[in-house]
C-alpha atoms as a PDB file:
ATOM      1  CA  MET A   1     120.796 113.150 104.385  1.00  0.00           C
ATOM      2  CA  LEU A   2     117.883 112.642 106.602  1.00  0.00           C
ATOM      3  CA  PRO A   3     114.249 112.308 105.270  1.00  0.00           C
ATOM      4  CA  LEU A   4     111.462 114.271 106.937  1.00  0.00           C
ATOM      5  CA  ASP A   5     111.086 112.546 110.477  1.00  0.00           C
ATOM      6  CA  SER A   6     108.913 113.093 114.018  1.00  0.00           C
ATOM      7  CA  GLN A   7     109.802 113.616 117.483  1.00  0.00           C
ATOM      8  CA  PHE A   8     107.673 113.889 120.354  1.00  0.00           C
ATOM      9  CA  VAL A   9     107.866 117.102 122.438  1.00  0.00           C
ATOM     10  CA  ARG A  10     106.710 118.414 125.499  1.00  0.00           C
ATOM     11  CA  CYS A  11     104.827 122.169 125.134  1.00  0.00           C
ATOM     12  CA  PRO A  12     107.128 124.396 127.390  1.00  0.00           C
ATOM     13  CA  TRP A  13     103.456 125.914 128.132  1.00  0.00           C
ATOM     14  CA  CYS A  14     101.142 123.255 128.880  1.00  0.00           C
ATOM     15  CA  GLY A  15     103.267 120.434 129.170  1.00  0.00           C
ATOM     16  CA  GLU A  16     101.145 118.194 127.107  1.00  0.00           C
ATOM     17  CA  ARG A  17     103.402 115.848 124.899  1.00  0.00           C
ATOM     18  CA  PHE A  18     102.815 115.770 120.759  1.00  0.00           C
ATOM     19  CA  GLU A  19     104.638 115.219 117.804  1.00  0.00           C
ATOM     20  CA  ALA A  20     106.693 117.489 115.588  1.00  0.00           C
ATOM     21  CA  LEU A  21     107.739 116.873 112.411  1.00  0.00           C
ATOM     22  CA  ILE A  22     111.464 117.837 111.365  1.00  0.00           C
ATOM     23  CA  ASP A  23     113.418 117.911 108.517  1.00  0.00           C
ATOM     24  CA  ALA A  24     116.886 118.049 109.307  1.00  0.00           C
ATOM     25  CA  SER A  25     118.485 118.281 105.677  1.00  0.00           C
ATOM     26  CA  ALA A  26     118.997 121.630 105.325  1.00  0.00           C
ATOM     27  CA  GLY A  27     121.225 121.723 108.964  1.00  0.00           C
ATOM     28  CA  ASP A  28     120.063 123.903 111.634  1.00  0.00           C
ATOM     29  CA  ALA A  29     116.785 125.821 111.432  1.00  0.00           C
ATOM     30  CA  ASP A  30     114.725 127.959 114.210  1.00  0.00           C
ATOM     31  CA  TYR A  31     111.349 128.478 113.551  1.00  0.00           C
ATOM     32  CA  THR A  32     107.775 128.708 115.294  1.00  0.00           C
ATOM     33  CA  GLU A  33     104.918 126.288 115.765  1.00  0.00           C
ATOM     34  CA  ASP A  34     102.007 126.518 117.973  1.00  0.00           C
ATOM     35  CA  CYS A  35     101.104 124.299 120.420  1.00  0.00           C
ATOM     36  CA  PRO A  36      98.140 121.842 118.675  1.00  0.00           C
ATOM     37  CA  VAL A  37      96.818 121.595 122.628  1.00  0.00           C
ATOM     38  CA  CYS A  38      96.804 125.184 123.932  1.00  0.00           C
ATOM     39  CA  CYS A  39      97.774 126.994 121.032  1.00  0.00           C
ATOM     40  CA  ARG A  40     100.699 128.964 122.487  1.00  0.00           C
ATOM     41  CA  PRO A  41     104.097 129.650 120.501  1.00  0.00           C
ATOM     42  CA  ILE A  42     106.538 127.424 120.779  1.00  0.00           C
ATOM     43  CA  ALA A  43     110.111 128.168 119.771  1.00  0.00           C
ATOM     44  CA  MET A  44     111.682 124.970 118.172  1.00  0.00           C
ATOM     45  CA  HIS A  45     115.518 124.952 117.819  1.00  0.00           C
ATOM     46  CA  LEU A  46     116.727 122.125 115.384  1.00  0.00           C
ATOM     47  CA  HIS A  47     120.444 120.969 115.135  1.00  0.00           C
ATOM     48  CA  GLY A  48     120.797 118.566 112.319  1.00  0.00           C
ATOM     49  CA  ASP A  49     123.883 117.122 110.329  1.00  0.00           C
ATOM     50  CA  ASP A  50     124.259 113.726 108.050  1.00  0.00           C
ATOM     51  CA  ASP A  51     124.021 111.334 111.314  1.00  0.00           C
ATOM     52  CA  ALA A  52     121.285 112.621 114.042  1.00  0.00           C
ATOM     53  CA  ALA A  53     119.063 115.784 114.141  1.00  0.00           C
ATOM     54  CA  GLU A  54     118.524 117.112 117.656  1.00  0.00           C
ATOM     55  CA  LEU A  55     115.324 118.897 118.489  1.00  0.00           C
ATOM     56  CA  TRP A  56     114.974 121.500 121.537  1.00  0.00           C
ATOM     57  CA  VAL A  57     112.194 123.599 122.419  1.00  0.00           C
ATOM     58  CA  GLU A  58     111.123 126.740 124.632  1.00  0.00           C
ATOM     59  CA  ARG A  59     108.466 129.603 125.080  1.00  0.00           C
ATOM     60  CA  GLU A  60     108.219 132.206 122.905  1.00  0.00           C
END
């Protein structure tokens, strides 16, 4: 089980880099988070298992 972690991502709208908190303990997840810079919605897709977590983002 992975603890709460963070990963840097780049906003698909404004291009700014920011730190996103991720929790891979529940497995795969899709959620929306607003960019802390431009406030536009970002679709976040998390694939997690016991060993690693992968996060990718796209415009919502």
